[in-house]
């Protein structure tokens, strides 16, 4: 069974800010080694629309909230 751990073996939980291939986002849900990320996109640029995406927990990195 896959663990819900990131690249640095930190536990990925709902609400945490993460980085995925340079994209910053917030974890919306976590399910068996996968997490749903809602990406933070600049609101001023209305041409960019990024839907929440399921990715492997082991491919993200939990970042500080600051």
PDB file of N, CA and C in Angstrom:
ATOM      1  N   UNK A   1       0.850  -1.178   0.000  1.00  0.00           N
ATOM      2  CA  UNK A   1       0.000   0.000   0.000  1.00  0.00           C
ATOM      3  C   UNK A   1       0.900   1.246   0.000  1.00  0.00           C
ATOM      4  N   UNK A   2       0.696   2.168  -0.937  1.00  0.00           N
ATOM      5  CA  UNK A   2       1.528   3.376  -0.986  1.00  0.00           C
ATOM      6  C   UNK A   2       1.262   4.293   0.205  1.00  0.00           C
ATOM      7  N   UNK A   3       2.333   4.899   0.691  1.00  0.00           N
ATOM      8  CA  UNK A   3       2.208   5.817   1.825  1.00  0.00           C
ATOM      9  C   UNK A   3       1.940   7.233   1.323  1.00  0.00           C
ATOM     10  N   UNK A   4       1.361   8.046   2.185  1.00  0.00           N
ATOM     11  CA  UNK A   4       1.068   9.438   1.840  1.00  0.00           C
ATOM     12  C   UNK A   4       2.237  10.326   2.257  1.00  0.00           C
ATOM     13  N   UNK A   5       3.436  10.000   1.751  1.00  0.00           N
ATOM     14  CA  UNK A   5       4.642  10.740   2.090  1.00  0.00           C
ATOM     15  C   UNK A   5       5.158  11.486   0.869  1.00  0.00           C
ATOM     16  N   UNK A   6       5.727  12.680   1.096  1.00  0.00           N
ATOM     17  CA  UNK A   6       6.262  13.467  -0.005  1.00  0.00           C
ATOM     18  C   UNK A   6       7.704  13.066  -0.305  1.00  0.00           C
ATOM     19  N   UNK A   7       8.406  13.872  -1.120  1.00  0.00           N
ATOM     20  CA  UNK A   7       9.781  13.589  -1.499  1.00  0.00           C
ATOM     21  C   UNK A   7      10.724  13.489  -0.302  1.00  0.00           C
ATOM     22  N   UNK A   8      10.428  14.242   0.759  1.00  0.00           N
ATOM     23  CA  UNK A   8      11.282  14.270   1.948  1.00  0.00           C
ATOM     24  C   UNK A   8      10.704  13.464   3.101  1.00  0.00           C
ATOM     25  N   UNK A   9       9.824  12.527   2.789  1.00  0.00           N
ATOM     26  CA  UNK A   9       9.181  11.664   3.779  1.00  0.00           C
ATOM     27  C   UNK A   9       8.372  12.422   4.820  1.00  0.00           C
ATOM     28  N   UNK A  10       7.801  13.560   4.427  1.00  0.00           N
ATOM     29  CA  UNK A  10       6.866  14.275   5.295  1.00  0.00           C
ATOM     30  C   UNK A  10       5.461  13.824   4.937  1.00  0.00           C
ATOM     31  N   UNK A  11       4.586  13.759   5.925  1.00  0.00           N
ATOM     32  CA  UNK A  11       3.213  13.327   5.705  1.00  0.00           C
ATOM     33  C   UNK A  11       2.440  14.405   4.953  1.00  0.00           C
ATOM     34  N   UNK A  12       1.773  14.024   3.873  1.00  0.00           N
ATOM     35  CA  UNK A  12       0.955  14.946   3.087  1.00  0.00           C
ATOM     36  C   UNK A  12      -0.459  14.898   3.644  1.00  0.00           C
ATOM     37  N   UNK A  13      -0.953  16.069   4.101  1.00  0.00           N
ATOM     38  CA  UNK A  13      -2.288  16.147   4.682  1.00  0.00           C
ATOM     39  C   UNK A  13      -3.080  17.262   4.012  1.00  0.00           C
ATOM     40  N   UNK A  14      -4.392  17.185   4.121  1.00  0.00           N
ATOM     41  CA  UNK A  14      -5.287  18.192   3.553  1.00  0.00           C
ATOM     42  C   UNK A  14      -4.967  19.569   4.134  1.00  0.00           C
ATOM     43  N   UNK A  15      -4.956  20.578   3.248  1.00  0.00           N
ATOM     44  CA  UNK A  15      -4.734  21.949   3.675  1.00  0.00           C
ATOM     45  C   UNK A  15      -3.284  22.402   3.635  1.00  0.00           C
ATOM     46  N   UNK A  16      -2.352  21.464   3.460  1.00  0.00           N
ATOM     47  CA  UNK A  16      -0.943  21.851   3.445  1.00  0.00           C
ATOM     48  C   UNK A  16      -0.540  22.444   2.095  1.00  0.00           C
ATOM     49  N   UNK A  17       0.338  23.455   2.108  1.00  0.00           N
ATOM     50  CA  UNK A  17       0.866  23.986   0.850  1.00  0.00           C
ATOM     51  C   UNK A  17       1.957  23.050   0.331  1.00  0.00           C
ATOM     52  N   UNK A  18       1.936  22.797  -0.977  1.00  0.00           N
ATOM     53  CA  UNK A  18       2.917  21.906  -1.589  1.00  0.00           C
ATOM     54  C   UNK A  18       3.457  22.524  -2.875  1.00  0.00           C
ATOM     55  N   UNK A  19       4.575  21.971  -3.326  1.00  0.00           N
ATOM     56  CA  UNK A  19       5.159  22.340  -4.606  1.00  0.00           C
ATOM     57  C   UNK A  19       5.226  21.079  -5.454  1.00  0.00           C
ATOM     58  N   UNK A  20       4.821  21.188  -6.715  1.00  0.00           N
ATOM     59  CA  UNK A  20       4.839  20.057  -7.643  1.00  0.00           C
ATOM     60  C   UNK A  20       5.435  20.554  -8.948  1.00  0.00           C
ATOM     61  N   UNK A  21       6.665  20.166  -9.248  1.00  0.00           N
ATOM     62  CA  UNK A  21       7.384  20.594 -10.451  1.00  0.00           C
ATOM     63  C   UNK A  21       7.385  22.115 -10.606  1.00  0.00           C
ATOM     64  N   UNK A  22       7.548  22.819  -9.496  1.00  0.00           N
ATOM     65  CA  UNK A  22       7.608  24.279  -9.522  1.00  0.00           C
ATOM     66  C   UNK A  22       6.268  24.973  -9.357  1.00  0.00           C
ATOM     67  N   UNK A  23       5.184  24.247  -9.460  1.00  0.00           N
ATOM     68  CA  UNK A  23       3.855  24.822  -9.285  1.00  0.00           C
ATOM     69  C   UNK A  23       3.483  24.752  -7.810  1.00  0.00           C
ATOM     70  N   UNK A  24       3.003  25.851  -7.242  1.00  0.00           N
ATOM     71  CA  UNK A  24       2.562  25.878  -5.853  1.00  0.00           C
ATOM     72  C   UNK A  24       1.067  25.626  -5.796  1.00  0.00           C
ATOM     73  N   UNK A  25       0.655  24.907  -4.770  1.00  0.00           N
ATOM     74  CA  UNK A  25      -0.762  24.626  -4.609  1.00  0.00           C
ATOM     75  C   UNK A  25      -1.074  24.189  -3.199  1.00  0.00           C
ATOM     76  N   UNK A  26      -2.335  23.887  -2.971  1.00  0.00           N
ATOM     77  CA  UNK A  26      -2.816  23.450  -1.667  1.00  0.00           C
ATOM     78  C   UNK A  26      -3.482  22.090  -1.824  1.00  0.00           C
ATOM     79  N   UNK A  27      -3.213  21.194  -0.890  1.00  0.00           N
ATOM     80  CA  UNK A  27      -3.788  19.849  -0.928  1.00  0.00           C
ATOM     81  C   UNK A  27      -5.266  19.930  -0.552  1.00  0.00           C
ATOM     82  N   UNK A  28      -6.121  19.408  -1.416  1.00  0.00           N
ATOM     83  CA  UNK A  28      -7.561  19.386  -1.168  1.00  0.00           C
ATOM     84  C   UNK A  28      -8.024  18.056  -0.565  1.00  0.00           C
ATOM     85  N   UNK A  29      -7.462  16.929  -1.063  1.00  0.00           N
ATOM     86  CA  UNK A  29      -7.820  15.591  -0.583  1.00  0.00           C
ATOM     87  C   UNK A  29      -6.606  14.693  -0.685  1.00  0.00           C
ATOM     88  N   UNK A  30      -6.584  13.644   0.123  1.00  0.00           N
ATOM     89  CA  UNK A  30      -5.514  12.649   0.073  1.00  0.00           C
ATOM     90  C   UNK A  30      -6.162  11.273   0.068  1.00  0.00           C
ATOM     91  N   UNK A  31      -5.750  10.448  -0.887  1.00  0.00           N
ATOM     92  CA  UNK A  31      -6.293   9.097  -1.001  1.00  0.00           C
ATOM     93  C   UNK A  31      -5.190   8.118  -1.405  1.00  0.00           C
ATOM     94  N   UNK A  32      -4.819   7.204  -0.544  1.00  0.00           N
ATOM     95  CA  UNK A  32      -3.932   6.086  -0.826  1.00  0.00           C
ATOM     96  C   UNK A  32      -2.772   6.429  -1.759  1.00  0.00           C
ATOM     97  N   UNK A  33      -1.892   7.287  -1.298  1.00  0.00           N
ATOM     98  CA  UNK A  33      -0.698   7.607  -2.065  1.00  0.00           C
ATOM     99  C   UNK A  33      -0.875   8.667  -3.134  1.00  0.00           C
ATOM    100  N   UNK A  34      -2.071   9.208  -3.259  1.00  0.00           N
ATOM    101  CA  UNK A  34      -2.334  10.261  -4.250  1.00  0.00           C
ATOM    102  C   UNK A  34      -2.970  11.446  -3.545  1.00  0.00           C
ATOM    103  N   UNK A  35      -2.729  12.645  -4.078  1.00  0.00           N
ATOM    104  CA  UNK A  35      -3.335  13.833  -3.475  1.00  0.00           C
ATOM    105  C   UNK A  35      -3.894  14.737  -4.568  1.00  0.00           C
ATOM    106  N   UNK A  36      -4.998  15.391  -4.244  1.00  0.00           N
ATOM    107  CA  UNK A  36      -5.653  16.329  -5.146  1.00  0.00           C
ATOM    108  C   UNK A  36      -5.139  17.721  -4.811  1.00  0.00           C
ATOM    109  N   UNK A  37      -4.510  18.377  -5.791  1.00  0.00           N
ATOM    110  CA  UNK A  37      -3.910  19.689  -5.561  1.00  0.00           C
ATOM    111  C   UNK A  37      -4.680  20.752  -6.323  1.00  0.00           C
ATOM    112  N   UNK A  38      -5.032  21.818  -5.612  1.00  0.00           N
ATOM    113  CA  UNK A  38      -5.611  23.003  -6.241  1.00  0.00           C
ATOM    114  C   UNK A  38      -4.468  24.006  -6.363  1.00  0.00           C
ATOM    115  N   UNK A  39      -4.098  24.322  -7.597  1.00  0.00           N
ATOM    116  CA  UNK A  39      -2.945  25.176  -7.840  1.00  0.00           C
ATOM    117  C   UNK A  39      -3.273  26.640  -7.605  1.00  0.00           C
ATOM    118  N   UNK A  40      -2.289  27.376  -7.054  1.00  0.00           N
ATOM    119  CA  UNK A  40      -2.421  28.803  -6.828  1.00  0.00           C
ATOM    120  C   UNK A  40      -2.037  29.518  -8.118  1.00  0.00           C
ATOM    121  N   UNK A  41      -2.995  30.164  -8.754  1.00  0.00           N
ATOM    122  CA  UNK A  41      -2.771  30.856 -10.019  1.00  0.00           C
ATOM    123  C   UNK A  41      -3.082  32.330  -9.810  1.00  0.00           C
ATOM    124  N   UNK A  42      -2.269  33.195 -10.368  1.00  0.00           N
ATOM    125  CA  UNK A  42      -2.460  34.636 -10.249  1.00  0.00           C
ATOM    126  C   UNK A  42      -3.829  35.012 -10.805  1.00  0.00           C
ATOM    127  N   UNK A  43      -4.652  35.636  -9.982  1.00  0.00           N
ATOM    128  CA  UNK A  43      -6.012  35.998 -10.378  1.00  0.00           C
ATOM    129  C   UNK A  43      -6.045  37.075 -11.463  1.00  0.00           C
ATOM    130  N   UNK A  44      -4.993  37.878 -11.590  1.00  0.00           N
ATOM    131  CA  UNK A  44      -4.970  38.954 -12.586  1.00  0.00           C
ATOM    132  C   UNK A  44      -4.909  38.401 -14.010  1.00  0.00           C
ATOM    133  N   UNK A  45      -4.361  37.205 -14.168  1.00  0.00           N
ATOM    134  CA  UNK A  45      -4.239  36.606 -15.491  1.00  0.00           C
ATOM    135  C   UNK A  45      -5.408  35.640 -15.707  1.00  0.00           C
ATOM    136  N   UNK A  46      -6.465  36.131 -16.301  1.00  0.00           N
ATOM    137  CA  UNK A  46      -7.681  35.334 -16.486  1.00  0.00           C
ATOM    138  C   UNK A  46      -7.530  34.278 -17.577  1.00  0.00           C
ATOM    139  N   UNK A  47      -6.452  34.323 -18.368  1.00  0.00           N
ATOM    140  CA  UNK A  47      -6.275  33.363 -19.452  1.00  0.00           C
ATOM    141  C   UNK A  47      -5.787  32.011 -18.942  1.00  0.00           C
ATOM    142  N   UNK A  48      -5.224  31.966 -17.727  1.00  0.00           N
ATOM    143  CA  UNK A  48      -4.710  30.717 -17.181  1.00  0.00           C
ATOM    144  C   UNK A  48      -5.766  30.073 -16.300  1.00  0.00           C
ATOM    145  N   UNK A  49      -6.173  28.862 -16.659  1.00  0.00           N
ATOM    146  CA  UNK A  49      -7.125  28.114 -15.847  1.00  0.00           C
ATOM    147  C   UNK A  49      -6.525  26.738 -15.601  1.00  0.00           C
ATOM    148  N   UNK A  50      -6.306  26.423 -14.335  1.00  0.00           N
ATOM    149  CA  UNK A  50      -5.725  25.145 -13.969  1.00  0.00           C
ATOM    150  C   UNK A  50      -6.703  24.430 -13.049  1.00  0.00           C
ATOM    151  N   UNK A  51      -7.191  23.293 -13.490  1.00  0.00           N
ATOM    152  CA  UNK A  51      -8.128  22.510 -12.690  1.00  0.00           C
ATOM    153  C   UNK A  51      -7.363  21.742 -11.610  1.00  0.00           C
ATOM    154  N   UNK A  52      -8.007  21.450 -10.480  1.00  0.00           N
ATOM    155  CA  UNK A  52      -7.359  20.600  -9.475  1.00  0.00           C
ATOM    156  C   UNK A  52      -6.952  19.268 -10.109  1.00  0.00           C
ATOM    157  N   UNK A  53      -5.798  18.766  -9.708  1.00  0.00           N
ATOM    158  CA  UNK A  53      -5.211  17.594 -10.349  1.00  0.00           C
ATOM    159  C   UNK A  53      -4.777  16.566  -9.317  1.00  0.00           C
ATOM    160  N   UNK A  54      -5.036  15.278  -9.607  1.00  0.00           N
ATOM    161  CA  UNK A  54      -4.555  14.190  -8.765  1.00  0.00           C
ATOM    162  C   UNK A  54      -3.125  13.866  -9.168  1.00  0.00           C
ATOM    163  N   UNK A  55      -2.209  13.841  -8.200  1.00  0.00           N
ATOM    164  CA  UNK A  55      -0.810  13.482  -8.438  1.00  0.00           C
ATOM    165  C   UNK A  55      -0.353  12.527  -7.337  1.00  0.00           C
ATOM    166  N   UNK A  56       0.767  11.836  -7.577  1.00  0.00           N
ATOM    167  CA  UNK A  56       1.336  10.961  -6.562  1.00  0.00           C
ATOM    168  C   UNK A  56       1.894  11.800  -5.419  1.00  0.00           C
ATOM    169  N   UNK A  57       1.631  11.392  -4.192  1.00  0.00           N
ATOM    170  CA  UNK A  57       2.155  12.112  -3.029  1.00  0.00           C
ATOM    171  C   UNK A  57       3.681  12.150  -3.059  1.00  0.00           C
ATOM    172  N   UNK A  58       4.297  11.097  -3.587  1.00  0.00           N
ATOM    173  CA  UNK A  58       5.759  11.040  -3.611  1.00  0.00           C
ATOM    174  C   UNK A  58       6.378  12.002  -4.615  1.00  0.00           C
ATOM    175  N   UNK A  59       5.554  12.665  -5.445  1.00  0.00           N
ATOM    176  CA  UNK A  59       6.084  13.624  -6.428  1.00  0.00           C
ATOM    177  C   UNK A  59       5.935  15.069  -5.981  1.00  0.00           C
ATOM    178  N   UNK A  60       5.360  15.308  -4.799  1.00  0.00           N
ATOM    179  CA  UNK A  60       5.211  16.674  -4.294  1.00  0.00           C
ATOM    180  C   UNK A  60       6.180  16.900  -3.149  1.00  0.00           C
ATOM    181  N   UNK A  61       6.308  18.167  -2.776  1.00  0.00           N
ATOM    182  CA  UNK A  61       7.137  18.535  -1.630  1.00  0.00           C
ATOM    183  C   UNK A  61       6.337  19.500  -0.763  1.00  0.00           C
ATOM    184  N   UNK A  62       6.163  19.153   0.502  1.00  0.00           N
ATOM    185  CA  UNK A  62       5.477  20.037   1.437  1.00  0.00           C
ATOM    186  C   UNK A  62       6.361  21.244   1.697  1.00  0.00           C
ATOM    187  N   UNK A  63       5.796  22.457   1.578  1.00  0.00           N
ATOM    188  CA  UNK A  63       6.563  23.689   1.775  1.00  0.00           C
ATOM    189  C   UNK A  63       6.020  24.443   2.983  1.00  0.00           C
ATOM    190  N   UNK A  64       6.805  25.394   3.456  1.00  0.00           N
ATOM    191  CA  UNK A  64       6.367  26.176   4.619  1.00  0.00           C
ATOM    192  C   UNK A  64       5.226  27.098   4.229  1.00  0.00           C
ATOM    193  N   UNK A  65       4.442  27.474   5.167  1.00  0.00           N
ATOM    194  CA  UNK A  65       3.282  28.339   4.910  1.00  0.00           C
ATOM    195  C   UNK A  65       3.674  29.780   4.676  1.00  0.00           C
ATOM    196  N   UNK A  66       4.884  30.161   5.013  1.00  0.00           N
ATOM    197  CA  UNK A  66       5.312  31.550   4.902  1.00  0.00           C
ATOM    198  C   UNK A  66       5.711  32.004   3.589  1.00  0.00           C
TER     199      UNK A  66
END
